[in-house]
Amino acid sequence: MITFSGWAIVAYIGGKLGGHQIKGIVEHFKRDPVVTSKGVKRLENKLNEGEGFAKTMISIEKSLIQNSSRKILI
């Protein structure tokens, strides 16, 4: 079983849904950019390999989209 850092998932979702770069995410949360980038890469590889994990991530993405309100940051 492959486990992923929560930060890798946050960075992946932040990039995909929010359009944020990993660099900005790791700077904001004061995390290691190399570890986070490697984690995101492993997560993306896992998404391409198996259907089960991909379905889980899709359901997370849908849930975040449905339960969010649009925010404008200035």
Protein backbone atom coordinates (compact mmCIF):
# COMPACT_ATOMS: atom_id res chain seq x y z
CA MET A 1 0.00 0.00 0.00
CA ILE A 2 1.37 3.39 -0.99
CA THR A 3 0.69 6.26 1.36
CA PHE A 4 0.90 9.91 0.43
CA SER A 5 1.79 12.92 2.47
CA GLY A 6 -1.20 15.09 3.22
CA TRP A 7 0.81 17.98 1.83
CA ALA A 8 1.20 16.20 -1.51
CA ILE A 9 -2.57 15.87 -1.73
CA VAL A 10 -3.07 19.51 -0.69
CA ALA A 11 -0.55 20.66 -3.30
CA TYR A 12 -2.13 18.48 -6.01
CA ILE A 13 -5.67 19.67 -5.28
CA GLY A 14 -4.51 23.28 -4.86
CA GLY A 15 -2.83 23.13 -8.24
CA LYS A 16 -5.64 21.36 -10.03
CA LEU A 17 -8.64 23.16 -8.57
CA GLY A 18 -7.11 26.44 -7.47
CA GLY A 19 -4.52 26.95 -10.18
CA HIS A 20 -1.77 27.43 -7.59
CA GLN A 21 1.84 26.46 -8.16
CA ILE A 22 3.50 24.02 -5.78
CA LYS A 23 6.11 26.69 -5.00
CA GLY A 24 3.47 29.06 -3.67
CA ILE A 25 1.74 26.36 -1.65
CA VAL A 26 4.93 25.14 0.06
CA GLU A 27 6.05 28.70 0.79
CA HIS A 28 2.67 29.55 2.32
CA PHE A 29 2.62 26.47 4.56
CA LYS A 30 6.42 26.46 5.12
CA ARG A 31 6.95 22.95 3.76
CA ASP A 32 9.85 21.34 1.92
CA PRO A 33 9.36 21.91 -1.83
CA VAL A 34 11.39 18.85 -2.88
CA VAL A 35 9.48 16.44 -0.66
CA THR A 36 6.14 17.94 -1.69
CA SER A 37 7.00 17.87 -5.41
CA LYS A 38 8.09 14.23 -5.21
CA GLY A 39 4.89 13.40 -3.34
CA VAL A 40 2.76 15.10 -5.99
CA LYS A 41 4.62 13.20 -8.73
CA ARG A 42 4.00 9.87 -6.93
CA LEU A 43 0.35 10.80 -6.50
CA GLU A 44 -0.01 11.62 -10.21
CA ASN A 45 1.65 8.33 -11.15
CA LYS A 46 -0.73 6.44 -8.87
CA LEU A 47 -3.71 8.24 -10.44
CA ASN A 48 -2.59 7.01 -13.86
CA GLU A 49 -2.12 3.41 -12.64
CA GLY A 50 -5.30 2.47 -10.88
CA GLU A 51 -8.98 3.20 -11.10
CA GLY A 52 -9.77 2.87 -7.40
CA PHE A 53 -7.48 5.64 -6.26
CA ALA A 54 -8.50 7.86 -9.17
CA LYS A 55 -12.18 7.46 -8.22
CA THR A 56 -11.38 8.46 -4.65
CA MET A 57 -9.55 11.60 -5.78
CA ILE A 58 -12.35 12.50 -8.19
CA SER A 59 -14.91 12.20 -5.41
CA ILE A 60 -12.75 14.44 -3.18
CA GLU A 61 -12.48 17.00 -5.96
CA LYS A 62 -16.25 16.96 -6.60
CA SER A 63 -16.95 17.33 -2.90
CA LEU A 64 -14.64 20.33 -2.63
CA ILE A 65 -16.20 21.97 -5.67
CA GLN A 66 -19.80 21.39 -4.53
CA ASN A 67 -19.20 22.51 -0.95
CA SER A 68 -17.28 25.67 -1.71
CA SER A 69 -18.23 29.21 -2.42
CA ARG A 70 -16.36 31.31 -4.91
CA LYS A 71 -13.85 33.58 -3.22
CA ILE A 72 -12.19 36.65 -4.67
CA LEU A 73 -8.79 37.44 -3.21
CA ILE A 74 -7.34 40.88 -3.69
